[in-house]
PDB file of N, CA and C in Angstrom:
ATOM      1  N   MET A   1      -5.156  -0.810 -20.336  1.00  0.00           N
ATOM      2  CA  MET A   1      -6.278  -0.484 -19.476  1.00  0.00           C
ATOM      3  C   MET A   1      -7.333   0.013 -20.401  1.00  0.00           C
ATOM      4  N   LEU A   2      -7.640  -0.421 -21.739  1.00  0.00           N
ATOM      5  CA  LEU A   2      -8.313  -0.097 -22.736  1.00  0.00           C
ATOM      6  C   LEU A   2      -9.929  -0.828 -21.910  1.00  0.00           C
ATOM      7  N   GLY A   3     -11.134  -0.044 -22.184  1.00  0.00           N
ATOM      8  CA  GLY A   3     -12.254  -0.580 -21.625  1.00  0.00           C
ATOM      9  C   GLY A   3     -12.363  -0.500 -20.322  1.00  0.00           C
ATOM     10  N   MET A   4     -11.671   0.315 -19.735  1.00  0.00           N
ATOM     11  CA  MET A   4     -11.714   0.138 -18.016  1.00  0.00           C
ATOM     12  C   MET A   4     -12.818   1.057 -17.577  1.00  0.00           C
ATOM     13  N   LYS A   5     -13.814   0.603 -16.735  1.00  0.00           N
ATOM     14  CA  LYS A   5     -15.043   1.098 -16.495  1.00  0.00           C
ATOM     15  C   LYS A   5     -14.432   2.345 -15.540  1.00  0.00           C
ATOM     16  N   ALA A   6     -14.936   3.508 -15.789  1.00  0.00           N
ATOM     17  CA  ALA A   6     -14.491   4.701 -14.873  1.00  0.00           C
ATOM     18  C   ALA A   6     -14.921   4.532 -13.669  1.00  0.00           C
ATOM     19  N   LEU A   7     -14.137   5.051 -12.758  1.00  0.00           N
ATOM     20  CA  LEU A   7     -14.063   4.878 -11.360  1.00  0.00           C
ATOM     21  C   LEU A   7     -14.737   6.139 -10.602  1.00  0.00           C
ATOM     22  N   ARG A   8     -15.325   5.742  -9.617  1.00  0.00           N
ATOM     23  CA  ARG A   8     -15.963   7.044  -8.750  1.00  0.00           C
ATOM     24  C   ARG A   8     -15.430   7.001  -7.348  1.00  0.00           C
ATOM     25  N   PRO A   9     -15.061   8.121  -6.910  1.00  0.00           N
ATOM     26  CA  PRO A   9     -14.640   8.099  -5.528  1.00  0.00           C
ATOM     27  C   PRO A   9     -15.268   7.484  -4.572  1.00  0.00           C
ATOM     28  N   ASP A  10     -16.685   7.342  -4.693  1.00  0.00           N
ATOM     29  CA  ASP A  10     -17.323   6.587  -3.704  1.00  0.00           C
ATOM     30  C   ASP A  10     -17.302   5.022  -3.893  1.00  0.00           C
ATOM     31  N   ASP A  11     -16.667   4.813  -4.999  1.00  0.00           N
ATOM     32  CA  ASP A  11     -16.550   3.027  -5.432  1.00  0.00           C
ATOM     33  C   ASP A  11     -16.033   2.405  -4.088  1.00  0.00           C
ATOM     34  N   GLN A  12     -16.701   1.166  -3.714  1.00  0.00           N
ATOM     35  CA  GLN A  12     -16.117   0.178  -2.584  1.00  0.00           C
ATOM     36  C   GLN A  12     -15.386  -0.844  -3.067  1.00  0.00           C
ATOM     37  N   ILE A  13     -14.368  -1.141  -2.805  1.00  0.00           N
ATOM     38  CA  ILE A  13     -13.538  -2.305  -2.819  1.00  0.00           C
ATOM     39  C   ILE A  13     -13.511  -3.127  -1.329  1.00  0.00           C
ATOM     40  N   SER A  14     -12.997  -4.354  -1.510  1.00  0.00           N
ATOM     41  CA  SER A  14     -12.486  -4.948  -0.254  1.00  0.00           C
ATOM     42  C   SER A  14     -11.252  -4.316   0.285  1.00  0.00           C
ATOM     43  N   VAL A  15     -10.989  -4.819   1.678  1.00  0.00           N
ATOM     44  CA  VAL A  15      -9.639  -4.186   2.015  1.00  0.00           C
ATOM     45  C   VAL A  15      -8.234  -4.978   1.549  1.00  0.00           C
ATOM     46  N   ARG A  16      -8.501  -6.282   1.130  1.00  0.00           N
ATOM     47  CA  ARG A  16      -7.805  -6.768   0.165  1.00  0.00           C
ATOM     48  C   ARG A  16      -7.687  -6.296  -1.125  1.00  0.00           C
ATOM     49  N   ASP A  17      -8.709  -6.199  -1.801  1.00  0.00           N
ATOM     50  CA  ASP A  17      -8.419  -5.519  -2.834  1.00  0.00           C
ATOM     51  C   ASP A  17      -7.639  -4.061  -2.922  1.00  0.00           C
ATOM     52  N   ALA A  18      -8.201  -3.424  -2.032  1.00  0.00           N
ATOM     53  CA  ALA A  18      -7.251  -2.049  -1.808  1.00  0.00           C
ATOM     54  C   ALA A  18      -5.776  -2.451  -1.407  1.00  0.00           C
ATOM     55  N   PHE A  19      -5.527  -3.323  -0.806  1.00  0.00           N
ATOM     56  CA  PHE A  19      -3.956  -3.372  -0.774  1.00  0.00           C
ATOM     57  C   PHE A  19      -3.586  -3.893  -2.063  1.00  0.00           C
ATOM     58  N   LEU A  20      -3.919  -4.708  -2.772  1.00  0.00           N
ATOM     59  CA  LEU A  20      -3.706  -5.079  -4.282  1.00  0.00           C
ATOM     60  C   LEU A  20      -3.466  -3.934  -4.835  1.00  0.00           C
ATOM     61  N   ALA A  21      -4.606  -3.079  -4.780  1.00  0.00           N
ATOM     62  CA  ALA A  21      -4.497  -1.852  -5.702  1.00  0.00           C
ATOM     63  C   ALA A  21      -3.164  -0.756  -5.142  1.00  0.00           C
ATOM     64  N   MET A  22      -2.662  -0.664  -3.695  1.00  0.00           N
ATOM     65  CA  MET A  22      -1.791  -0.182  -3.554  1.00  0.00           C
ATOM     66  C   MET A  22      -0.763  -0.746  -4.143  1.00  0.00           C
ATOM     67  N   ARG A  23      -0.453  -2.006  -3.875  1.00  0.00           N
ATOM     68  CA  ARG A  23       0.993  -2.422  -4.539  1.00  0.00           C
ATOM     69  C   ARG A  23       0.983  -1.961  -6.374  1.00  0.00           C
ATOM     70  N   ASN A  24      -0.081  -2.515  -6.861  1.00  0.00           N
ATOM     71  CA  ASN A  24      -0.170  -1.834  -8.069  1.00  0.00           C
ATOM     72  C   ASN A  24       0.187  -0.617  -8.634  1.00  0.00           C
ATOM     73  N   PHE A  25      -0.309   0.423  -7.620  1.00  0.00           N
ATOM     74  CA  PHE A  25       0.134   1.852  -7.618  1.00  0.00           C
ATOM     75  C   PHE A  25       1.757   2.023  -7.658  1.00  0.00           C
ATOM     76  N   LEU A  26       2.126   1.520  -6.601  1.00  0.00           N
ATOM     77  CA  LEU A  26       3.497   1.718  -6.191  1.00  0.00           C
ATOM     78  C   LEU A  26       4.482   0.997  -7.112  1.00  0.00           C
ATOM     79  N   TYR A  27       4.106  -0.454  -7.532  1.00  0.00           N
ATOM     80  CA  TYR A  27       4.814  -0.882  -8.952  1.00  0.00           C
ATOM     81  C   TYR A  27       4.789  -0.087  -9.815  1.00  0.00           C
ATOM     82  N   ARG A  28       3.607   0.347 -10.228  1.00  0.00           N
ATOM     83  CA  ARG A  28       3.929   1.505 -11.670  1.00  0.00           C
ATOM     84  C   ARG A  28       4.735   2.508 -11.504  1.00  0.00           C
ATOM     85  N   TYR A  29       4.649   2.976  -9.969  1.00  0.00           N
ATOM     86  CA  TYR A  29       5.178   4.376 -10.009  1.00  0.00           C
ATOM     87  C   TYR A  29       6.862   3.707  -9.903  1.00  0.00           C
ATOM     88  N   TRP A  30       7.131   2.668  -9.746  1.00  0.00           N
ATOM     89  CA  TRP A  30       8.456   2.001  -9.578  1.00  0.00           C
ATOM     90  C   TRP A  30       9.047   1.706 -11.128  1.00  0.00           C
ATOM     91  N   GLU A  31       8.367   1.149 -11.800  1.00  0.00           N
ATOM     92  CA  GLU A  31       8.448   1.044 -13.254  1.00  0.00           C
ATOM     93  C   GLU A  31       8.591   1.810 -14.110  1.00  0.00           C
ATOM     94  N   GLU A  32       7.276   2.917 -13.877  1.00  0.00           N
ATOM     95  CA  GLU A  32       7.251   3.970 -15.086  1.00  0.00           C
ATOM     96  C   GLU A  32       8.326   5.118 -14.791  1.00  0.00           C
ATOM     97  N   GLY A  33       8.724   5.276 -13.299  1.00  0.00           N
ATOM     98  CA  GLY A  33       9.725   6.433 -13.348  1.00  0.00           C
ATOM     99  C   GLY A  33      11.237   5.784 -13.273  1.00  0.00           C
ATOM    100  N   LYS A  34      11.322   4.332 -13.345  1.00  0.00           N
ATOM    101  CA  LYS A  34      12.814   4.122 -13.310  1.00  0.00           C
ATOM    102  C   LYS A  34      13.238   4.035 -12.100  1.00  0.00           C
ATOM    103  N   ARG A  35      12.691   4.065 -10.719  1.00  0.00           N
ATOM    104  CA  ARG A  35      12.879   4.190  -9.457  1.00  0.00           C
ATOM    105  C   ARG A  35      14.035   3.313  -8.981  1.00  0.00           C
ATOM    106  N   THR A  36      14.912   3.878  -8.125  1.00  0.00           N
ATOM    107  CA  THR A  36      16.185   3.026  -7.697  1.00  0.00           C
ATOM    108  C   THR A  36      16.000   3.166  -6.534  1.00  0.00           C
ATOM    109  N   ASP A  37      15.349   3.625  -5.535  1.00  0.00           N
ATOM    110  CA  ASP A  37      15.090   3.812  -4.525  1.00  0.00           C
ATOM    111  C   ASP A  37      15.003   2.510  -3.773  1.00  0.00           C
ATOM    112  N   ASP A  38      15.760   2.018  -2.633  1.00  0.00           N
ATOM    113  CA  ASP A  38      15.798   0.987  -2.193  1.00  0.00           C
ATOM    114  C   ASP A  38      14.459   0.752  -1.139  1.00  0.00           C
ATOM    115  N   GLY A  39      13.872   1.748  -0.516  1.00  0.00           N
ATOM    116  CA  GLY A  39      12.960   2.073   0.618  1.00  0.00           C
ATOM    117  C   GLY A  39      11.531   1.268  -0.302  1.00  0.00           C
ATOM    118  N   LEU A  40      11.585   1.599  -1.539  1.00  0.00           N
ATOM    119  CA  LEU A  40      10.405   1.294  -2.151  1.00  0.00           C
ATOM    120  C   LEU A  40      10.476   0.032  -2.596  1.00  0.00           C
ATOM    121  N   ARG A  41      11.479  -0.496  -2.969  1.00  0.00           N
ATOM    122  CA  ARG A  41      11.715  -1.803  -3.510  1.00  0.00           C
ATOM    123  C   ARG A  41      11.558  -2.751  -2.556  1.00  0.00           C
ATOM    124  N   GLU A  42      12.137  -2.145  -0.795  1.00  0.00           N
ATOM    125  CA  GLU A  42      11.755  -2.923   0.226  1.00  0.00           C
ATOM    126  C   GLU A  42      10.433  -3.271   0.383  1.00  0.00           C
ATOM    127  N   VAL A  43       9.416  -2.043   0.293  1.00  0.00           N
ATOM    128  CA  VAL A  43       8.238  -2.440   0.505  1.00  0.00           C
ATOM    129  C   VAL A  43       7.274  -3.101  -0.548  1.00  0.00           C
ATOM    130  N   LEU A  44       7.837  -2.974  -1.578  1.00  0.00           N
ATOM    131  CA  LEU A  44       7.170  -4.089  -2.997  1.00  0.00           C
ATOM    132  C   LEU A  44       7.516  -5.637  -2.500  1.00  0.00           C
ATOM    133  N   SER A  45       8.671  -5.765  -1.859  1.00  0.00           N
ATOM    134  CA  SER A  45       9.146  -6.986  -1.686  1.00  0.00           C
ATOM    135  C   SER A  45       8.290  -7.476  -0.295  1.00  0.00           C
ATOM    136  N   ASP A  46       8.265  -6.695   0.699  1.00  0.00           N
ATOM    137  CA  ASP A  46       7.647  -7.160   2.141  1.00  0.00           C
ATOM    138  C   ASP A  46       6.207  -7.323   1.929  1.00  0.00           C
ATOM    139  N   SER A  47       5.644  -6.605   0.954  1.00  0.00           N
ATOM    140  CA  SER A  47       4.179  -6.546   0.888  1.00  0.00           C
ATOM    141  C   SER A  47       3.808  -7.659  -0.183  1.00  0.00           C
ATOM    142  N   SER A  48       4.749  -8.316  -0.635  1.00  0.00           N
ATOM    143  CA  SER A  48       4.177  -9.446  -1.729  1.00  0.00           C
ATOM    144  C   SER A  48       3.609 -10.520  -1.016  1.00  0.00           C
ATOM    145  N   LEU A  49       2.039 -10.810  -1.774  1.00  0.00           N
ATOM    146  CA  LEU A  49       1.573 -12.096  -1.552  1.00  0.00           C
ATOM    147  C   LEU A  49       1.673 -13.307  -1.959  1.00  0.00           C
ATOM    148  N   ARG A  50       2.618 -13.445  -3.044  1.00  0.00           N
ATOM    149  CA  ARG A  50       2.783 -14.458  -3.487  1.00  0.00           C
ATOM    150  C   ARG A  50       3.791 -15.684  -2.834  1.00  0.00           C
ATOM    151  N   ILE A  51       4.550 -15.167  -1.870  1.00  0.00           N
ATOM    152  CA  ILE A  51       5.453 -15.776  -1.331  1.00  0.00           C
ATOM    153  C   ILE A  51       4.755 -16.862  -0.190  1.00  0.00           C
ATOM    154  N   TRP A  52       3.883 -16.590   0.636  1.00  0.00           N
ATOM    155  CA  TRP A  52       3.142 -17.349   1.591  1.00  0.00           C
ATOM    156  C   TRP A  52       1.812 -17.912   0.859  1.00  0.00           C
ATOM    157  N   LYS A  53       1.093 -18.851   1.358  1.00  0.00           N
ATOM    158  CA  LYS A  53       0.102 -19.317   1.392  1.00  0.00           C
ATOM    159  C   LYS A  53      -0.725 -18.406   2.082  1.00  0.00           C
ATOM    160  N   GLN A  54      -2.043 -18.584   2.115  1.00  0.00           N
ATOM    161  CA  GLN A  54      -2.783 -17.533   2.959  1.00  0.00           C
ATOM    162  C   GLN A  54      -3.285 -18.417   3.868  1.00  0.00           C
ATOM    163  N   GLN A  55      -3.453 -17.895   5.297  1.00  0.00           N
ATOM    164  CA  GLN A  55      -3.966 -18.840   6.314  1.00  0.00           C
ATOM    165  C   GLN A  55      -5.516 -18.236   6.815  1.00  0.00           C
ATOM    166  N   GLY A  56      -6.441 -19.448   6.450  1.00  0.00           N
ATOM    167  CA  GLY A  56      -7.731 -19.217   6.861  1.00  0.00           C
ATOM    168  C   GLY A  56      -8.178 -17.933   6.057  1.00  0.00           C
ATOM    169  N   ASP A  57      -8.821 -16.885   6.357  1.00  0.00           N
ATOM    170  CA  ASP A  57      -9.098 -15.501   5.784  1.00  0.00           C
ATOM    171  C   ASP A  57      -8.069 -14.465   5.524  1.00  0.00           C
ATOM    172  N   GLU A  58      -6.910 -14.707   6.677  1.00  0.00           N
ATOM    173  CA  GLU A  58      -6.033 -13.559   6.405  1.00  0.00           C
ATOM    174  C   GLU A  58      -4.944 -13.676   5.552  1.00  0.00           C
ATOM    175  N   PRO A  59      -4.522 -12.993   4.613  1.00  0.00           N
ATOM    176  CA  PRO A  59      -3.562 -13.047   3.695  1.00  0.00           C
ATOM    177  C   PRO A  59      -2.372 -13.047   4.159  1.00  0.00           C
ATOM    178  N   ARG A  60      -1.401 -13.552   4.215  1.00  0.00           N
ATOM    179  CA  ARG A  60       0.013 -13.711   4.575  1.00  0.00           C
ATOM    180  C   ARG A  60       1.098 -12.947   3.403  1.00  0.00           C
ATOM    181  N   THR A  61       1.633 -12.063   4.015  1.00  0.00           N
ATOM    182  CA  THR A  61       2.377 -11.023   3.336  1.00  0.00           C
ATOM    183  C   THR A  61       4.041 -11.693   3.229  1.00  0.00           C
ATOM    184  N   ALA A  62       5.022 -11.372   2.752  1.00  0.00           N
ATOM    185  CA  ALA A  62       6.330 -11.897   2.985  1.00  0.00           C
ATOM    186  C   ALA A  62       7.021 -11.399   4.280  1.00  0.00           C
ATOM    187  N   ASP A  63       6.602 -10.102   4.716  1.00  0.00           N
ATOM    188  CA  ASP A  63       6.940  -9.752   5.850  1.00  0.00           C
ATOM    189  C   ASP A  63       5.527  -9.933   6.887  1.00  0.00           C
ATOM    190  N   PRO A  64       5.699 -10.736   7.643  1.00  0.00           N
ATOM    191  CA  PRO A  64       4.399 -11.101   8.257  1.00  0.00           C
ATOM    192  C   PRO A  64       3.900 -10.068   9.231  1.00  0.00           C
ATOM    193  N   ALA A  65       4.416  -8.672   9.631  1.00  0.00           N
ATOM    194  CA  ALA A  65       4.001  -7.801  10.209  1.00  0.00           C
ATOM    195  C   ALA A  65       3.083  -6.602   8.868  1.00  0.00           C
ATOM    196  N   PHE A  66       3.700  -6.883   7.695  1.00  0.00           N
ATOM    197  CA  PHE A  66       2.888  -6.006   6.814  1.00  0.00           C
ATOM    198  C   PHE A  66       1.645  -6.016   6.435  1.00  0.00           C
ATOM    199  N   TRP A  67       0.876  -7.070   6.327  1.00  0.00           N
ATOM    200  CA  TRP A  67      -0.686  -7.245   6.629  1.00  0.00           C
ATOM    201  C   TRP A  67      -1.214  -6.480   7.816  1.00  0.00           C
ATOM    202  N   HIS A  68      -0.865  -6.697   8.899  1.00  0.00           N
ATOM    203  CA  HIS A  68      -1.073  -6.499  10.264  1.00  0.00           C
ATOM    204  C   HIS A  68      -0.878  -4.527  10.076  1.00  0.00           C
ATOM    205  N   ASP A  69       0.284  -4.173   9.883  1.00  0.00           N
ATOM    206  CA  ASP A  69       0.311  -2.671   9.530  1.00  0.00           C
ATOM    207  C   ASP A  69      -0.752  -2.188   8.522  1.00  0.00           C
ATOM    208  N   TRP A  70      -0.944  -2.933   7.408  1.00  0.00           N
ATOM    209  CA  TRP A  70      -1.932  -2.360   6.460  1.00  0.00           C
ATOM    210  C   TRP A  70      -3.345  -2.360   6.988  1.00  0.00           C
ATOM    211  N   THR A  71      -3.606  -3.170   7.805  1.00  0.00           N
ATOM    212  CA  THR A  71      -5.229  -3.159   8.260  1.00  0.00           C
ATOM    213  C   THR A  71      -5.107  -1.873   9.327  1.00  0.00           C
ATOM    214  N   GLY A  72      -4.031  -1.781  10.162  1.00  0.00           N
ATOM    215  CA  GLY A  72      -4.175  -0.668  10.930  1.00  0.00           C
ATOM    216  C   GLY A  72      -4.246   0.549   9.985  1.00  0.00           C
ATOM    217  N   ALA A  73      -3.633   0.640   8.797  1.00  0.00           N
ATOM    218  CA  ALA A  73      -3.615   1.834   8.173  1.00  0.00           C
ATOM    219  C   ALA A  73      -5.121   2.230   7.490  1.00  0.00           C
ATOM    220  N   VAL A  74      -5.539   1.003   7.074  1.00  0.00           N
ATOM    221  CA  VAL A  74      -7.205   0.905   6.725  1.00  0.00           C
ATOM    222  C   VAL A  74      -8.013   1.472   7.722  1.00  0.00           C
ATOM    223  N   GLN A  75      -7.972   1.123   9.048  1.00  0.00           N
ATOM    224  CA  GLN A  75      -8.588   1.549  10.273  1.00  0.00           C
ATOM    225  C   GLN A  75      -8.409   2.863  10.093  1.00  0.00           C
ATOM    226  N   ASP A  76      -6.887   3.411  10.128  1.00  0.00           N
ATOM    227  CA  ASP A  76      -6.681   5.082  10.082  1.00  0.00           C
ATOM    228  C   ASP A  76      -7.576   5.492   9.022  1.00  0.00           C
ATOM    229  N   ALA A  77      -7.710   5.161   7.845  1.00  0.00           N
ATOM    230  CA  ALA A  77      -8.552   5.619   6.694  1.00  0.00           C
ATOM    231  C   ALA A  77      -9.858   5.873   7.037  1.00  0.00           C
ATOM    232  N   LEU A  78     -10.501   4.807   7.770  1.00  0.00           N
ATOM    233  CA  LEU A  78     -11.660   4.812   7.816  1.00  0.00           C
ATOM    234  C   LEU A  78     -12.157   5.751   9.190  1.00  0.00           C
ATOM    235  N   ASP A  79     -11.443   5.884  10.293  1.00  0.00           N
ATOM    236  CA  ASP A  79     -11.360   7.166  11.148  1.00  0.00           C
ATOM    237  C   ASP A  79     -11.232   8.401  10.615  1.00  0.00           C
ATOM    238  N   GLY A  80     -10.649   8.350   9.292  1.00  0.00           N
ATOM    239  CA  GLY A  80     -10.503  10.058   8.965  1.00  0.00           C
ATOM    240  C   GLY A  80      -9.173  10.373   9.018  1.00  0.00           C
ATOM    241  N   ILE A  81      -8.241   9.673   9.417  1.00  0.00           N
ATOM    242  CA  ILE A  81      -6.825   9.905  10.059  1.00  0.00           C
ATOM    243  C   ILE A  81      -5.862  10.098   8.588  1.00  0.00           C
ATOM    244  N   GLN A  82      -5.055  11.062   8.426  1.00  0.00           N
ATOM    245  CA  GLN A  82      -4.553  11.417   7.227  1.00  0.00           C
ATOM    246  C   GLN A  82      -3.080  11.047   7.995  1.00  0.00           C
ATOM    247  N   PRO A  83      -1.996  10.560   7.044  1.00  0.00           N
ATOM    248  CA  PRO A  83      -0.560  10.499   7.311  1.00  0.00           C
ATOM    249  C   PRO A  83      -0.195  11.611   8.179  1.00  0.00           C
ATOM    250  N   GLU A  84      -0.494  12.901   7.578  1.00  0.00           N
ATOM    251  CA  GLU A  84      -0.015  14.031   8.034  1.00  0.00           C
ATOM    252  C   GLU A  84      -0.231  14.305   9.349  1.00  0.00           C
ATOM    253  N   ASP A  85      -1.580  13.681   9.905  1.00  0.00           N
ATOM    254  CA  ASP A  85      -2.003  13.947  11.278  1.00  0.00           C
ATOM    255  C   ASP A  85      -0.970  13.108  12.098  1.00  0.00           C
ATOM    256  N   VAL A  86      -0.499  12.036  11.636  1.00  0.00           N
ATOM    257  CA  VAL A  86       0.272  11.163  12.898  1.00  0.00           C
ATOM    258  C   VAL A  86       1.668  11.639  12.626  1.00  0.00           C
ATOM    259  N   MET A  87       2.171  11.934  11.395  1.00  0.00           N
ATOM    260  CA  MET A  87       3.416  11.680  11.148  1.00  0.00           C
ATOM    261  C   MET A  87       4.050  13.102  10.778  1.00  0.00           C
ATOM    262  N   GLY A  88       3.278  14.193  10.475  1.00  0.00           N
ATOM    263  CA  GLY A  88       3.437  15.651  10.232  1.00  0.00           C
ATOM    264  C   GLY A  88       3.807  15.442   9.035  1.00  0.00           C
ATOM    265  N   SER A  89       3.759  16.872   8.390  1.00  0.00           N
ATOM    266  CA  SER A  89       3.668  17.059   6.821  1.00  0.00           C
ATOM    267  C   SER A  89       4.821  16.447   6.029  1.00  0.00           C
ATOM    268  N   PRO A  90       4.916  15.904   5.125  1.00  0.00           N
ATOM    269  CA  PRO A  90       6.300  15.427   4.175  1.00  0.00           C
ATOM    270  C   PRO A  90       7.124  16.753   3.955  1.00  0.00           C
ATOM    271  N   GLU A  91       6.536  17.613   3.711  1.00  0.00           N
ATOM    272  CA  GLU A  91       7.215  18.738   3.531  1.00  0.00           C
ATOM    273  C   GLU A  91       8.377  19.572   4.516  1.00  0.00           C
ATOM    274  N   THR A  92       7.601  19.157   6.135  1.00  0.00           N
ATOM    275  CA  THR A  92       8.622  19.506   7.009  1.00  0.00           C
ATOM    276  C   THR A  92       9.489  18.588   7.605  1.00  0.00           C
ATOM    277  N   ALA A  93       9.306  17.357   7.110  1.00  0.00           N
ATOM    278  CA  ALA A  93      10.189  16.229   7.785  1.00  0.00           C
ATOM    279  C   ALA A  93      11.208  16.041   7.522  1.00  0.00           C
ATOM    280  N   PRO A  94      12.205  15.784   8.336  1.00  0.00           N
ATOM    281  CA  PRO A  94      13.629  15.934   8.081  1.00  0.00           C
ATOM    282  C   PRO A  94      14.001  14.719   6.988  1.00  0.00           C
ATOM    283  N   ARG A  95      14.914  15.154   5.952  1.00  0.00           N
ATOM    284  CA  ARG A  95      15.447  14.466   5.070  1.00  0.00           C
ATOM    285  C   ARG A  95      16.829  13.751   5.741  1.00  0.00           C
ATOM    286  N   PRO A  96      16.566  12.374   5.323  1.00  0.00           N
ATOM    287  CA  PRO A  96      17.561  11.426   5.519  1.00  0.00           C
ATOM    288  C   PRO A  96      18.726  11.820   4.853  1.00  0.00           C
ATOM    289  N   GLU A  97      20.050  11.875   5.490  1.00  0.00           N
ATOM    290  CA  GLU A  97      21.739  12.284   4.831  1.00  0.00           C
ATOM    291  C   GLU A  97      21.997  10.993   4.289  1.00  0.00           C
TER     292      GLU A  97
END
């Protein structure tokens, strides 16, 4: 990451680049923490863009619904909706047994 440009909170990127940034972040989180969580592994697998060819302007993920879900999350972010607004606080959510 040498020579990386300093990013500002108001820098803008495309929806596709934001998707790739999210995947890079999760992958680094996975690798650096030596995670073994199957849920995160499934998200990384389902969100892969390398498995399918793009159709027109729309990227295709390994799980066809993943891109649609991603664009919905982007719209929520643009509308100012946080995950806690929709799902409740992670601190109070029931833990799986």
